[in-house]
Amino acid sequence: MSRPVIVVVGAGPGVSGSVARAFAREGYDVGLLGLDEEQLVRLAGELEALGATVGHAVADLTDAEAAGAAVRRFGEHTGRIDVLHFNPSAYREKDPLQLSVSELLEDATLGVGALLVAVQAARPFMSAGARVTATGSMAADQPSARAASLGVQKAGLRNLVQSLDATLEPDGIRAVSVTVRGVLAKDGPFTPDRVAEAILAAARQDEDGWRSEIPYVG
């Protein structure tokens, strides 16, 4: 295939859908991986209207075998993965005295571990110039005690992205997380579309001055 390909992990409404549309407008074909079939079909229709060829797969991202197999199928079908975007996280309204270890690990499996699975599955289909992007959050630095696992996920995500970037850099592949330092809203600087623009720009940053974490302040 001659067109570049983006695979969006954790696809659905919100930032992930906006990222998919932003890249589709730039000429990318799109693979969507998520949990809600109805949302995936709706988003696929929007992307096809923008001229993209779209595939979608339903998988539980906490199931490493299923999630990895889905990403590999995208790569085998398209022959290439130029951008892998990672979006999911778990919001569980429990403070540190209410949160159990098993709940913390369950949430981290989705918000951090699933990135590891996705990148390992995508790597054989990524070549020099490919990018890994991730939706970060100010929760990594300013965690809310009411949702203690979210800050752990976002801090772990940023850390893992930095390790991935260092590991992939010798092969010309780079990784970056965009830390959203604000609350998503329907209007203003923190709309999903504005955040998606920042993620697109992060993927296109000059490699000579590459940063593996970029704050988005609106």
N, C-alpha and C. Protein backbone atom coordinates (compact mmCIF):
# COMPACT_ATOMS: atom_id res chain seq x y z
N MET A 1 0.84 -1.19 0.00
CA MET A 1 0.00 0.00 0.00
C MET A 1 0.88 1.25 0.00
N SER A 2 0.49 2.25 -0.79
CA SER A 2 1.30 3.45 -0.89
C SER A 2 0.91 4.50 0.14
N ARG A 3 -0.33 4.48 0.61
CA ARG A 3 -0.75 5.46 1.60
C ARG A 3 -0.23 5.08 2.98
N PRO A 4 0.15 6.07 3.80
CA PRO A 4 0.58 5.75 5.16
C PRO A 4 -0.60 5.25 5.99
N VAL A 5 -0.29 4.55 7.07
CA VAL A 5 -1.31 3.91 7.90
C VAL A 5 -1.11 4.31 9.36
N ILE A 6 -2.21 4.69 10.01
CA ILE A 6 -2.21 4.89 11.45
C ILE A 6 -3.12 3.86 12.08
N VAL A 7 -2.68 3.27 13.18
CA VAL A 7 -3.51 2.38 13.99
C VAL A 7 -3.80 3.10 15.29
N VAL A 8 -5.07 3.26 15.59
CA VAL A 8 -5.51 3.96 16.80
C VAL A 8 -5.97 2.92 17.81
N VAL A 9 -5.25 2.82 18.91
CA VAL A 9 -5.56 1.85 19.96
C VAL A 9 -6.39 2.55 21.03
N GLY A 10 -7.57 1.99 21.30
CA GLY A 10 -8.50 2.63 22.22
C GLY A 10 -9.38 3.62 21.48
N ALA A 11 -9.79 3.25 20.26
CA ALA A 11 -10.55 4.16 19.40
C ALA A 11 -11.99 4.28 19.86
N GLY A 12 -12.51 5.49 19.70
CA GLY A 12 -13.89 5.77 20.06
C GLY A 12 -14.13 7.26 19.94
N PRO A 13 -15.16 7.78 20.60
CA PRO A 13 -15.39 9.21 20.58
C PRO A 13 -14.32 9.93 21.40
N GLY A 14 -14.24 11.23 21.27
CA GLY A 14 -13.27 11.99 22.04
C GLY A 14 -11.97 12.14 21.30
N VAL A 15 -10.87 12.20 22.05
CA VAL A 15 -9.56 12.49 21.47
C VAL A 15 -9.17 11.45 20.43
N SER A 16 -9.40 10.18 20.71
CA SER A 16 -8.97 9.14 19.76
C SER A 16 -9.66 9.29 18.42
N GLY A 17 -10.96 9.60 18.43
CA GLY A 17 -11.67 9.83 17.18
C GLY A 17 -11.15 11.05 16.44
N SER A 18 -10.84 12.09 17.20
CA SER A 18 -10.29 13.30 16.59
C SER A 18 -8.92 13.04 15.99
N VAL A 19 -8.10 12.24 16.66
CA VAL A 19 -6.79 11.88 16.11
C VAL A 19 -6.96 11.11 14.81
N ALA A 20 -7.87 10.16 14.79
CA ALA A 20 -8.10 9.38 13.57
C ALA A 20 -8.53 10.29 12.42
N ARG A 21 -9.42 11.23 12.69
CA ARG A 21 -9.88 12.15 11.64
C ARG A 21 -8.76 13.07 11.18
N ALA A 22 -7.95 13.56 12.12
CA ALA A 22 -6.84 14.45 11.76
C ALA A 22 -5.86 13.77 10.82
N PHE A 23 -5.51 12.53 11.10
CA PHE A 23 -4.57 11.82 10.24
C PHE A 23 -5.24 11.42 8.92
N ALA A 24 -6.53 11.09 8.95
CA ALA A 24 -7.23 10.75 7.70
C ALA A 24 -7.22 11.95 6.76
N ARG A 25 -7.39 13.14 7.30
CA ARG A 25 -7.35 14.35 6.47
C ARG A 25 -5.97 14.57 5.85
N GLU A 26 -4.95 14.01 6.49
CA GLU A 26 -3.59 14.13 5.98
C GLU A 26 -3.22 13.00 5.03
N GLY A 27 -4.19 12.17 4.66
CA GLY A 27 -3.95 11.12 3.68
C GLY A 27 -3.64 9.74 4.22
N TYR A 28 -3.87 9.53 5.52
CA TYR A 28 -3.61 8.23 6.12
C TYR A 28 -4.81 7.31 5.99
N ASP A 29 -4.55 6.03 5.78
CA ASP A 29 -5.55 5.01 6.02
C ASP A 29 -5.51 4.67 7.51
N VAL A 30 -6.59 4.07 8.01
CA VAL A 30 -6.75 3.97 9.47
C VAL A 30 -7.18 2.58 9.90
N GLY A 31 -6.53 2.08 10.95
CA GLY A 31 -6.98 0.90 11.66
C GLY A 31 -7.48 1.31 13.03
N LEU A 32 -8.66 0.86 13.40
CA LEU A 32 -9.27 1.22 14.67
C LEU A 32 -9.38 -0.01 15.56
N LEU A 33 -8.89 0.11 16.78
CA LEU A 33 -8.98 -0.99 17.74
C LEU A 33 -9.65 -0.46 19.00
N GLY A 34 -10.76 -1.07 19.36
CA GLY A 34 -11.49 -0.61 20.53
C GLY A 34 -12.43 -1.67 21.05
N LEU A 35 -13.27 -1.28 21.98
CA LEU A 35 -14.14 -2.23 22.66
C LEU A 35 -15.59 -2.15 22.22
N ASP A 36 -16.00 -1.01 21.65
CA ASP A 36 -17.41 -0.79 21.32
C ASP A 36 -17.60 -0.85 19.81
N GLU A 37 -18.22 -1.90 19.34
CA GLU A 37 -18.42 -2.10 17.91
C GLU A 37 -19.21 -0.96 17.28
N GLU A 38 -20.25 -0.51 17.93
CA GLU A 38 -21.08 0.55 17.37
C GLU A 38 -20.28 1.84 17.18
N GLN A 39 -19.49 2.19 18.18
CA GLN A 39 -18.66 3.40 18.06
C GLN A 39 -17.64 3.26 16.94
N LEU A 40 -17.04 2.08 16.82
CA LEU A 40 -16.04 1.86 15.78
C LEU A 40 -16.65 1.97 14.39
N VAL A 41 -17.82 1.41 14.20
CA VAL A 41 -18.49 1.47 12.90
C VAL A 41 -18.84 2.92 12.55
N ARG A 42 -19.33 3.66 13.54
CA ARG A 42 -19.68 5.06 13.30
C ARG A 42 -18.44 5.87 12.91
N LEU A 43 -17.36 5.67 13.65
CA LEU A 43 -16.12 6.40 13.36
C LEU A 43 -15.56 5.99 12.00
N ALA A 44 -15.62 4.71 11.69
CA ALA A 44 -15.13 4.24 10.39
C ALA A 44 -15.86 4.92 9.25
N GLY A 45 -17.16 5.10 9.40
CA GLY A 45 -17.94 5.78 8.36
C GLY A 45 -17.49 7.22 8.17
N GLU A 46 -17.20 7.91 9.27
CA GLU A 46 -16.72 9.29 9.18
C GLU A 46 -15.37 9.35 8.47
N LEU A 47 -14.50 8.40 8.76
CA LEU A 47 -13.16 8.39 8.16
C LEU A 47 -13.22 8.04 6.68
N GLU A 48 -14.11 7.13 6.33
CA GLU A 48 -14.26 6.78 4.91
C GLU A 48 -14.78 7.96 4.11
N ALA A 49 -15.63 8.78 4.74
CA ALA A 49 -16.12 9.99 4.08
C ALA A 49 -14.99 10.99 3.82
N LEU A 50 -13.90 10.87 4.58
CA LEU A 50 -12.73 11.73 4.39
C LEU A 50 -11.75 11.13 3.38
N GLY A 51 -12.09 9.97 2.83
CA GLY A 51 -11.24 9.36 1.82
C GLY A 51 -10.33 8.26 2.30
N ALA A 52 -10.42 7.90 3.57
CA ALA A 52 -9.53 6.87 4.13
C ALA A 52 -10.11 5.48 3.92
N THR A 53 -9.22 4.53 3.73
CA THR A 53 -9.59 3.12 3.82
C THR A 53 -9.48 2.74 5.29
N VAL A 54 -10.50 2.12 5.83
CA VAL A 54 -10.57 1.91 7.28
C VAL A 54 -10.86 0.44 7.59
N GLY A 55 -10.12 -0.08 8.56
CA GLY A 55 -10.42 -1.38 9.14
C GLY A 55 -10.64 -1.22 10.62
N HIS A 56 -11.46 -2.07 11.20
CA HIS A 56 -11.66 -1.97 12.65
C HIS A 56 -11.73 -3.36 13.26
N ALA A 57 -11.34 -3.41 14.53
CA ALA A 57 -11.37 -4.67 15.27
C ALA A 57 -11.82 -4.40 16.70
N VAL A 58 -12.63 -5.29 17.22
CA VAL A 58 -13.09 -5.20 18.60
C VAL A 58 -12.24 -6.14 19.45
N ALA A 59 -11.64 -5.60 20.50
CA ALA A 59 -10.81 -6.42 21.38
C ALA A 59 -10.72 -5.77 22.75
N ASP A 60 -10.66 -6.59 23.77
CA ASP A 60 -10.42 -6.13 25.13
C ASP A 60 -8.92 -5.85 25.24
N LEU A 61 -8.56 -4.59 25.45
CA LEU A 61 -7.16 -4.21 25.44
C LEU A 61 -6.40 -4.74 26.65
N THR A 62 -7.11 -5.20 27.67
CA THR A 62 -6.43 -5.82 28.81
C THR A 62 -6.13 -7.30 28.55
N ASP A 63 -6.61 -7.81 27.43
CA ASP A 63 -6.30 -9.18 27.00
C ASP A 63 -5.13 -9.09 26.04
N ALA A 64 -3.93 -9.33 26.54
CA ALA A 64 -2.72 -9.12 25.74
C ALA A 64 -2.73 -9.95 24.46
N GLU A 65 -3.18 -11.18 24.54
CA GLU A 65 -3.17 -12.04 23.36
C GLU A 65 -4.11 -11.50 22.29
N ALA A 66 -5.33 -11.11 22.69
CA ALA A 66 -6.31 -10.63 21.73
C ALA A 66 -5.90 -9.28 21.15
N ALA A 67 -5.43 -8.38 22.00
CA ALA A 67 -5.05 -7.05 21.53
C ALA A 67 -3.84 -7.13 20.59
N GLY A 68 -2.85 -7.92 20.98
CA GLY A 68 -1.67 -8.06 20.13
C GLY A 68 -2.01 -8.68 18.78
N ALA A 69 -2.89 -9.68 18.80
CA ALA A 69 -3.28 -10.33 17.54
C ALA A 69 -4.01 -9.35 16.63
N ALA A 70 -4.84 -8.47 17.21
CA ALA A 70 -5.57 -7.50 16.41
C ALA A 70 -4.62 -6.52 15.74
N VAL A 71 -3.62 -6.03 16.47
CA VAL A 71 -2.65 -5.11 15.88
C VAL A 71 -1.85 -5.81 14.79
N ARG A 72 -1.46 -7.05 15.03
CA ARG A 72 -0.71 -7.78 14.00
C ARG A 72 -1.54 -7.98 12.74
N ARG A 73 -2.84 -8.22 12.89
CA ARG A 73 -3.69 -8.39 11.71
C ARG A 73 -3.73 -7.10 10.88
N PHE A 74 -3.80 -5.95 11.56
CA PHE A 74 -3.75 -4.69 10.82
C PHE A 74 -2.45 -4.61 10.02
N GLY A 75 -1.33 -4.91 10.68
CA GLY A 75 -0.04 -4.83 10.01
C GLY A 75 0.08 -5.80 8.85
N GLU A 76 -0.41 -7.01 9.03
CA GLU A 76 -0.34 -8.01 7.97
C GLU A 76 -1.20 -7.61 6.78
N HIS A 77 -2.33 -6.97 7.06
CA HIS A 77 -3.23 -6.57 5.98
C HIS A 77 -2.68 -5.39 5.19
N THR A 78 -2.14 -4.40 5.89
CA THR A 78 -1.66 -3.19 5.22
C THR A 78 -0.20 -3.28 4.80
N GLY A 79 0.57 -4.14 5.47
CA GLY A 79 1.98 -4.25 5.18
C GLY A 79 2.84 -3.19 5.84
N ARG A 80 2.20 -2.26 6.56
CA ARG A 80 2.96 -1.18 7.19
C ARG A 80 2.11 -0.55 8.30
N ILE A 81 2.79 -0.03 9.32
CA ILE A 81 2.16 0.81 10.34
C ILE A 81 3.10 2.00 10.51
N ASP A 82 2.63 3.16 10.11
CA ASP A 82 3.46 4.37 10.14
C ASP A 82 3.30 5.14 11.44
N VAL A 83 2.11 5.09 12.01
CA VAL A 83 1.86 5.72 13.30
C VAL A 83 1.00 4.78 14.14
N LEU A 84 1.41 4.58 15.36
CA LEU A 84 0.61 3.84 16.33
C LEU A 84 0.21 4.84 17.41
N HIS A 85 -1.09 5.13 17.51
CA HIS A 85 -1.53 6.07 18.54
C HIS A 85 -2.22 5.31 19.67
N PHE A 86 -1.81 5.63 20.89
CA PHE A 86 -2.35 4.96 22.07
C PHE A 86 -3.14 5.95 22.91
N ASN A 87 -4.40 5.62 23.20
CA ASN A 87 -5.28 6.57 23.88
C ASN A 87 -5.89 6.11 25.20
N PRO A 88 -6.06 4.81 25.45
CA PRO A 88 -6.93 4.41 26.56
C PRO A 88 -6.37 4.66 27.95
N SER A 89 -7.28 4.83 28.87
CA SER A 89 -6.96 4.86 30.30
C SER A 89 -8.23 4.49 31.04
N ALA A 90 -8.08 4.12 32.29
CA ALA A 90 -9.22 3.74 33.12
C ALA A 90 -9.46 4.81 34.18
N TYR A 91 -10.69 5.24 34.29
CA TYR A 91 -11.04 6.19 35.35
C TYR A 91 -11.85 5.43 36.40
N ARG A 92 -11.29 5.33 37.58
CA ARG A 92 -11.95 4.62 38.69
C ARG A 92 -11.98 5.58 39.88
N GLU A 93 -13.14 5.96 40.29
CA GLU A 93 -13.26 6.97 41.35
C GLU A 93 -13.09 6.30 42.73
N LYS A 94 -11.82 6.08 43.05
CA LYS A 94 -11.46 5.53 44.35
C LYS A 94 -10.17 6.19 44.82
N ASP A 95 -10.15 6.57 46.09
CA ASP A 95 -8.93 7.18 46.63
C ASP A 95 -7.97 6.07 47.06
N PRO A 96 -6.74 6.41 47.47
CA PRO A 96 -5.76 5.38 47.78
C PRO A 96 -6.14 4.46 48.94
N LEU A 97 -7.05 4.89 49.81
CA LEU A 97 -7.48 4.02 50.91
C LEU A 97 -8.61 3.10 50.51
N GLN A 98 -9.23 3.38 49.38
CA GLN A 98 -10.31 2.53 48.87
C GLN A 98 -9.82 1.59 47.77
N LEU A 99 -8.80 2.02 47.04
CA LEU A 99 -8.32 1.29 45.87
C LEU A 99 -7.57 0.03 46.29
N SER A 100 -7.96 -1.10 45.70
CA SER A 100 -7.26 -2.35 46.00
C SER A 100 -6.08 -2.52 45.05
N VAL A 101 -5.15 -3.37 45.43
CA VAL A 101 -4.00 -3.65 44.58
C VAL A 101 -4.47 -4.24 43.25
N SER A 102 -5.42 -5.15 43.30
CA SER A 102 -5.90 -5.77 42.06
C SER A 102 -6.55 -4.74 41.14
N GLU A 103 -7.27 -3.77 41.71
CA GLU A 103 -7.88 -2.72 40.89
C GLU A 103 -6.81 -1.82 40.27
N LEU A 104 -5.81 -1.49 41.05
CA LEU A 104 -4.71 -0.68 40.53
C LEU A 104 -4.02 -1.38 39.37
N LEU A 105 -3.73 -2.65 39.53
CA LEU A 105 -3.05 -3.40 38.48
C LEU A 105 -3.94 -3.57 37.25
N GLU A 106 -5.24 -3.75 37.48
CA GLU A 106 -6.18 -3.86 36.35
C GLU A 106 -6.18 -2.57 35.53
N ASP A 107 -6.21 -1.43 36.21
CA ASP A 107 -6.23 -0.15 35.51
C ASP A 107 -4.90 0.10 34.80
N ALA A 108 -3.80 -0.24 35.45
CA ALA A 108 -2.48 -0.05 34.83
C ALA A 108 -2.30 -0.97 33.63
N THR A 109 -2.92 -2.12 33.65
CA THR A 109 -2.86 -3.02 32.49
C THR A 109 -3.46 -2.36 31.26
N LEU A 110 -4.56 -1.62 31.46
CA LEU A 110 -5.18 -0.91 30.34
C LEU A 110 -4.38 0.34 29.97
N GLY A 111 -4.08 1.16 30.96
CA GLY A 111 -3.51 2.47 30.68
C GLY A 111 -2.03 2.48 30.37
N VAL A 112 -1.32 1.41 30.71
CA VAL A 112 0.13 1.35 30.45
C VAL A 112 0.50 0.05 29.72
N GLY A 113 0.10 -1.07 30.29
CA GLY A 113 0.50 -2.35 29.73
C GLY A 113 0.04 -2.57 28.30
N ALA A 114 -1.15 -2.07 27.97
CA ALA A 114 -1.66 -2.26 26.61
C ALA A 114 -0.80 -1.55 25.57
N LEU A 115 -0.11 -0.47 25.97
CA LEU A 115 0.82 0.18 25.04
C LEU A 115 1.98 -0.74 24.72
N LEU A 116 2.50 -1.41 25.73
CA LEU A 116 3.60 -2.35 25.53
C LEU A 116 3.19 -3.44 24.54
N VAL A 117 2.00 -3.98 24.75
CA VAL A 117 1.48 -5.04 23.86
C VAL A 117 1.35 -4.52 22.44
N ALA A 118 0.77 -3.33 22.28
CA ALA A 118 0.52 -2.78 20.95
C ALA A 118 1.81 -2.50 20.20
N VAL A 119 2.79 -1.92 20.89
CA VAL A 119 4.05 -1.59 20.21
C VAL A 119 4.80 -2.86 19.83
N GLN A 120 4.83 -3.83 20.70
CA GLN A 120 5.52 -5.08 20.37
C GLN A 120 4.89 -5.77 19.18
N ALA A 121 3.56 -5.70 19.08
CA ALA A 121 2.87 -6.32 17.94
C ALA A 121 3.07 -5.52 16.66
N ALA A 122 3.14 -4.19 16.79
CA ALA A 122 3.27 -3.33 15.60
C ALA A 122 4.69 -3.26 15.07
N ARG A 123 5.68 -3.48 15.92
CA ARG A 123 7.08 -3.23 15.55
C ARG A 123 7.51 -3.89 14.24
N PRO A 124 7.14 -5.14 13.93
CA PRO A 124 7.61 -5.73 12.67
C PRO A 124 7.12 -4.99 11.42
N PHE A 125 6.10 -4.16 11.58
CA PHE A 125 5.51 -3.45 10.44
C PHE A 125 5.89 -1.97 10.42
N MET A 126 6.77 -1.56 11.34
CA MET A 126 7.20 -0.18 11.43
C MET A 126 8.63 -0.06 10.91
N SER A 127 8.87 0.97 10.12
CA SER A 127 10.20 1.21 9.58
C SER A 127 10.64 2.62 9.93
N ALA A 128 11.84 2.99 9.53
CA ALA A 128 12.38 4.31 9.84
C ALA A 128 11.39 5.39 9.43
N GLY A 129 11.15 6.32 10.34
CA GLY A 129 10.17 7.37 10.11
C GLY A 129 8.85 7.11 10.79
N ALA A 130 8.62 5.89 11.24
CA ALA A 130 7.37 5.57 11.94
C ALA A 130 7.36 6.23 13.32
N ARG A 131 6.18 6.40 13.84
CA ARG A 131 6.01 7.10 15.11
C ARG A 131 5.02 6.38 16.03
N VAL A 132 5.30 6.46 17.33
CA VAL A 132 4.37 6.03 18.38
C VAL A 132 3.95 7.29 19.12
N THR A 133 2.65 7.53 19.20
CA THR A 133 2.14 8.69 19.93
C THR A 133 1.18 8.22 21.01
N ALA A 134 1.06 9.02 22.06
CA ALA A 134 0.18 8.65 23.17
C ALA A 134 -0.46 9.88 23.77
N THR A 135 -1.69 9.73 24.22
CA THR A 135 -2.41 10.82 24.88
C THR A 135 -2.07 10.80 26.36
N GLY A 136 -1.28 11.78 26.80
CA GLY A 136 -0.92 11.89 28.20
C GLY A 136 -1.85 12.85 28.93
N SER A 137 -1.56 13.06 30.21
CA SER A 137 -2.43 13.89 31.03
C SER A 137 -1.64 14.53 32.16
N MET A 138 -2.12 15.70 32.57
CA MET A 138 -1.51 16.38 33.71
C MET A 138 -1.66 15.58 34.99
N ALA A 139 -2.52 14.54 34.96
CA ALA A 139 -2.65 13.66 36.13
C ALA A 139 -1.34 12.98 36.47
N ALA A 140 -0.43 12.89 35.49
CA ALA A 140 0.89 12.30 35.77
C ALA A 140 1.65 13.11 36.80
N ASP A 141 1.43 14.44 36.82
CA ASP A 141 2.14 15.33 37.74
C ASP A 141 1.25 15.86 38.85
N GLN A 142 -0.04 15.93 38.58
CA GLN A 142 -1.01 16.46 39.55
C GLN A 142 -2.14 15.47 39.72
N PRO A 143 -1.85 14.33 40.34
CA PRO A 143 -2.88 13.29 40.46
C PRO A 143 -4.03 13.72 41.37
N SER A 144 -5.20 13.25 41.01
CA SER A 144 -6.36 13.47 41.86
C SER A 144 -6.48 12.31 42.83
N ALA A 145 -6.57 12.61 44.10
CA ALA A 145 -6.71 11.55 45.11
C ALA A 145 -8.01 10.79 44.93
N ARG A 146 -9.00 11.45 44.34
CA ARG A 146 -10.30 10.80 44.14
C ARG A 146 -10.24 9.68 43.12
N ALA A 147 -9.28 9.75 42.21
CA ALA A 147 -9.11 8.72 41.18
C ALA A 147 -7.62 8.36 41.13
N ALA A 148 -7.18 7.70 42.17
CA ALA A 148 -5.74 7.52 42.39
C ALA A 148 -5.05 6.72 41.28
N SER A 149 -5.76 5.79 40.68
CA SER A 149 -5.10 4.95 39.68
C SER A 149 -4.80 5.71 38.39
N LEU A 150 -5.56 6.76 38.11
CA LEU A 150 -5.35 7.48 36.85
C LEU A 150 -3.98 8.14 36.81
N GLY A 151 -3.57 8.78 37.90
CA GLY A 151 -2.25 9.41 37.95
C GLY A 151 -1.14 8.38 37.79
N VAL A 152 -1.32 7.22 38.40
CA VAL A 152 -0.33 6.15 38.26
C VAL A 152 -0.23 5.72 36.79
N GLN A 153 -1.39 5.57 36.14
CA GLN A 153 -1.38 5.19 34.72
C GLN A 153 -0.65 6.22 33.87
N LYS A 154 -0.98 7.49 34.05
CA LYS A 154 -0.42 8.52 33.18
C LYS A 154 1.07 8.74 33.44
N ALA A 155 1.49 8.60 34.69
CA ALA A 155 2.92 8.69 34.98
C ALA A 155 3.65 7.50 34.36
N GLY A 156 3.06 6.32 34.49
CA GLY A 156 3.66 5.13 33.90
C GLY A 156 3.69 5.19 32.39
N LEU A 157 2.63 5.73 31.81
CA LEU A 157 2.57 5.86 30.35
C LEU A 157 3.70 6.75 29.85
N ARG A 158 3.88 7.90 30.46
CA ARG A 158 4.93 8.82 30.03
C ARG A 158 6.31 8.18 30.18
N ASN A 159 6.52 7.48 31.28
CA ASN A 159 7.79 6.80 31.51
C ASN A 159 8.04 5.74 30.44
N LEU A 160 7.01 4.95 30.13
CA LEU A 160 7.16 3.90 29.13
C LEU A 160 7.42 4.49 27.76
N VAL A 161 6.75 5.58 27.42
CA VAL A 161 6.98 6.22 26.12
C VAL A 161 8.43 6.67 26.00
N GLN A 162 8.99 7.21 27.07
CA GLN A 162 10.38 7.64 27.03
C GLN A 162 11.32 6.46 26.83
N SER A 163 11.02 5.34 27.47
CA SER A 163 11.84 4.14 27.28
C SER A 163 11.70 3.60 25.86
N LEU A 164 10.48 3.62 25.34
CA LEU A 164 10.26 3.17 23.96
C LEU A 164 11.02 4.05 22.98
N ASP A 165 11.00 5.35 23.22
CA ASP A 165 11.69 6.27 22.32
C ASP A 165 13.19 5.97 22.29
N ALA A 166 13.78 5.77 23.45
CA ALA A 166 15.21 5.47 23.52
C ALA A 166 15.54 4.14 22.84
N THR A 167 14.63 3.19 22.95
CA THR A 167 14.87 1.86 22.38
C THR A 167 14.70 1.86 20.87
N LEU A 168 13.72 2.60 20.37
CA LEU A 168 13.40 2.60 18.94
C LEU A 168 14.23 3.59 18.13
N GLU A 169 14.79 4.59 18.78
CA GLU A 169 15.50 5.67 18.09
C GLU A 169 16.61 5.18 17.16
N PRO A 170 17.42 4.17 17.53
CA PRO A 170 18.46 3.72 16.60
C PRO A 170 17.93 3.23 15.26
N ASP A 171 16.67 2.81 15.22
CA ASP A 171 16.06 2.34 13.98
C ASP A 171 15.26 3.44 13.28
N GLY A 172 15.37 4.67 13.76
CA GLY A 172 14.68 5.79 13.12
C GLY A 172 13.22 5.90 13.46
N ILE A 173 12.78 5.18 14.49
CA ILE A 173 11.39 5.24 14.96
C ILE A 173 11.38 6.02 16.27
N ARG A 174 10.43 6.92 16.42
CA ARG A 174 10.39 7.75 17.62
C ARG A 174 9.04 7.63 18.31
N ALA A 175 9.04 7.91 19.61
CA ALA A 175 7.82 7.85 20.42
C ALA A 175 7.66 9.15 21.19
N VAL A 176 6.43 9.58 21.36
CA VAL A 176 6.15 10.84 22.06
C VAL A 176 4.78 10.76 22.75
N SER A 177 4.72 11.31 23.94
CA SER A 177 3.43 11.48 24.62
C SER A 177 3.13 12.97 24.69
N VAL A 178 1.87 13.32 24.49
CA VAL A 178 1.43 14.70 24.59
C VAL A 178 0.65 14.84 25.89
N THR A 179 1.21 15.62 26.81
CA THR A 179 0.60 15.79 28.14
C THR A 179 -0.42 16.91 28.08
N VAL A 180 -1.69 16.54 28.19
CA VAL A 180 -2.78 17.51 28.12
C VAL A 180 -2.91 18.18 29.48
N ARG A 181 -2.52 19.44 29.56
CA ARG A 181 -2.54 20.16 30.82
C ARG A 181 -3.80 21.03 30.92
N GLY A 182 -4.92 20.36 30.92
CA GLY A 182 -6.21 21.02 31.02
C GLY A 182 -7.31 19.97 30.96
N VAL A 183 -8.53 20.42 31.10
CA VAL A 183 -9.69 19.52 31.11
C VAL A 183 -10.36 19.55 29.74
N LEU A 184 -10.58 18.39 29.16
CA LEU A 184 -11.24 18.32 27.87
C LEU A 184 -12.62 18.97 27.95
N ALA A 185 -12.98 19.68 26.89
CA ALA A 185 -14.25 20.40 26.86
C ALA A 185 -14.77 20.48 25.43
N LYS A 186 -16.03 20.84 25.29
CA LYS A 186 -16.63 20.96 23.95
C LYS A 186 -16.19 22.23 23.24
N ASP A 187 -15.79 23.24 24.01
CA ASP A 187 -15.37 24.51 23.43
C ASP A 187 -14.03 24.92 24.04
N GLY A 188 -13.35 25.86 23.37
CA GLY A 188 -12.11 26.39 23.92
C GLY A 188 -10.89 25.63 23.45
N PRO A 189 -9.76 25.84 24.12
CA PRO A 189 -8.49 25.27 23.68
C PRO A 189 -8.33 23.78 23.95
N PHE A 190 -9.22 23.19 24.76
CA PHE A 190 -9.04 21.79 25.13
C PHE A 190 -10.12 20.88 24.54
N THR A 191 -10.59 21.24 23.35
CA THR A 191 -11.49 20.34 22.65
C THR A 191 -10.70 19.14 22.15
N PRO A 192 -11.34 18.00 21.94
CA PRO A 192 -10.63 16.85 21.38
C PRO A 192 -9.93 17.17 20.06
N ASP A 193 -10.54 18.00 19.22
CA ASP A 193 -9.92 18.33 17.94
C ASP A 193 -8.62 19.12 18.13
N ARG A 194 -8.61 20.04 19.10
CA ARG A 194 -7.39 20.82 19.34
C ARG A 194 -6.28 19.93 19.90
N VAL A 195 -6.64 19.02 20.78
CA VAL A 195 -5.64 18.09 21.31
C VAL A 195 -5.10 17.20 20.19
N ALA A 196 -5.99 16.77 19.30
CA ALA A 196 -5.55 15.94 18.17
C ALA A 196 -4.57 16.69 17.29
N GLU A 197 -4.79 17.98 17.09
CA GLU A 197 -3.86 18.79 16.31
C GLU A 197 -2.47 18.80 16.97
N ALA A 198 -2.46 18.87 18.30
CA ALA A 198 -1.19 18.85 19.02
C ALA A 198 -0.49 17.50 18.87
N ILE A 199 -1.26 16.43 18.86
CA ILE A 199 -0.67 15.09 18.69
C ILE A 199 -0.12 14.93 17.28
N LEU A 200 -0.84 15.42 16.28
CA LEU A 200 -0.35 15.38 14.91
C LEU A 200 0.96 16.16 14.78
N ALA A 201 1.00 17.35 15.40
CA ALA A 201 2.22 18.17 15.36
C ALA A 201 3.38 17.47 16.07
N ALA A 202 3.09 16.80 17.19
CA ALA A 202 4.14 16.09 17.92
C ALA A 202 4.73 14.97 17.09
N ALA A 203 3.88 14.28 16.32
CA ALA A 203 4.37 13.19 15.47
C ALA A 203 5.25 13.72 14.35
N ARG A 204 5.06 15.00 14.00
CA ARG A 204 5.79 15.59 12.88
C ARG A 204 6.97 16.46 13.31
N GLN A 205 7.28 16.47 14.59
CA GLN A 205 8.36 17.33 15.05
C GLN A 205 9.70 16.92 14.42
N ASP A 206 10.58 17.88 14.32
CA ASP A 206 11.90 17.67 13.75
C ASP A 206 12.68 16.67 14.60
N GLU A 207 13.18 15.63 13.97
CA GLU A 207 13.87 14.58 14.72
C GLU A 207 15.14 15.10 15.38
N ASP A 208 15.77 16.11 14.80
CA ASP A 208 17.00 16.65 15.40
C ASP A 208 16.74 17.26 16.77
N GLY A 209 15.54 17.77 16.99
CA GLY A 209 15.19 18.34 18.28
C GLY A 209 14.09 17.57 18.96
N TRP A 210 14.06 16.26 18.72
CA TRP A 210 12.94 15.43 19.18
C TRP A 210 12.78 15.47 20.70
N ARG A 211 11.54 15.61 21.12
CA ARG A 211 11.20 15.49 22.53
C ARG A 211 10.20 14.36 22.71
N SER A 212 10.44 13.51 23.68
CA SER A 212 9.56 12.35 23.88
C SER A 212 8.34 12.69 24.75
N GLU A 213 8.32 13.90 25.27
CA GLU A 213 7.12 14.36 26.01
C GLU A 213 6.93 15.83 25.70
N ILE A 214 5.71 16.15 25.26
CA ILE A 214 5.38 17.53 24.89
C ILE A 214 4.12 17.95 25.66
N PRO A 215 4.19 19.03 26.41
CA PRO A 215 2.99 19.51 27.10
C PRO A 215 2.08 20.26 26.13
N TYR A 216 0.79 20.06 26.29
CA TYR A 216 -0.19 20.85 25.54
C TYR A 216 -0.94 21.70 26.56
N VAL A 217 -0.75 23.01 26.45
CA VAL A 217 -1.33 23.91 27.44
C VAL A 217 -2.48 24.73 26.88
N GLY A 218 -2.87 24.45 25.62
CA GLY A 218 -4.02 25.14 25.06
C GLY A 218 -3.65 26.44 24.39
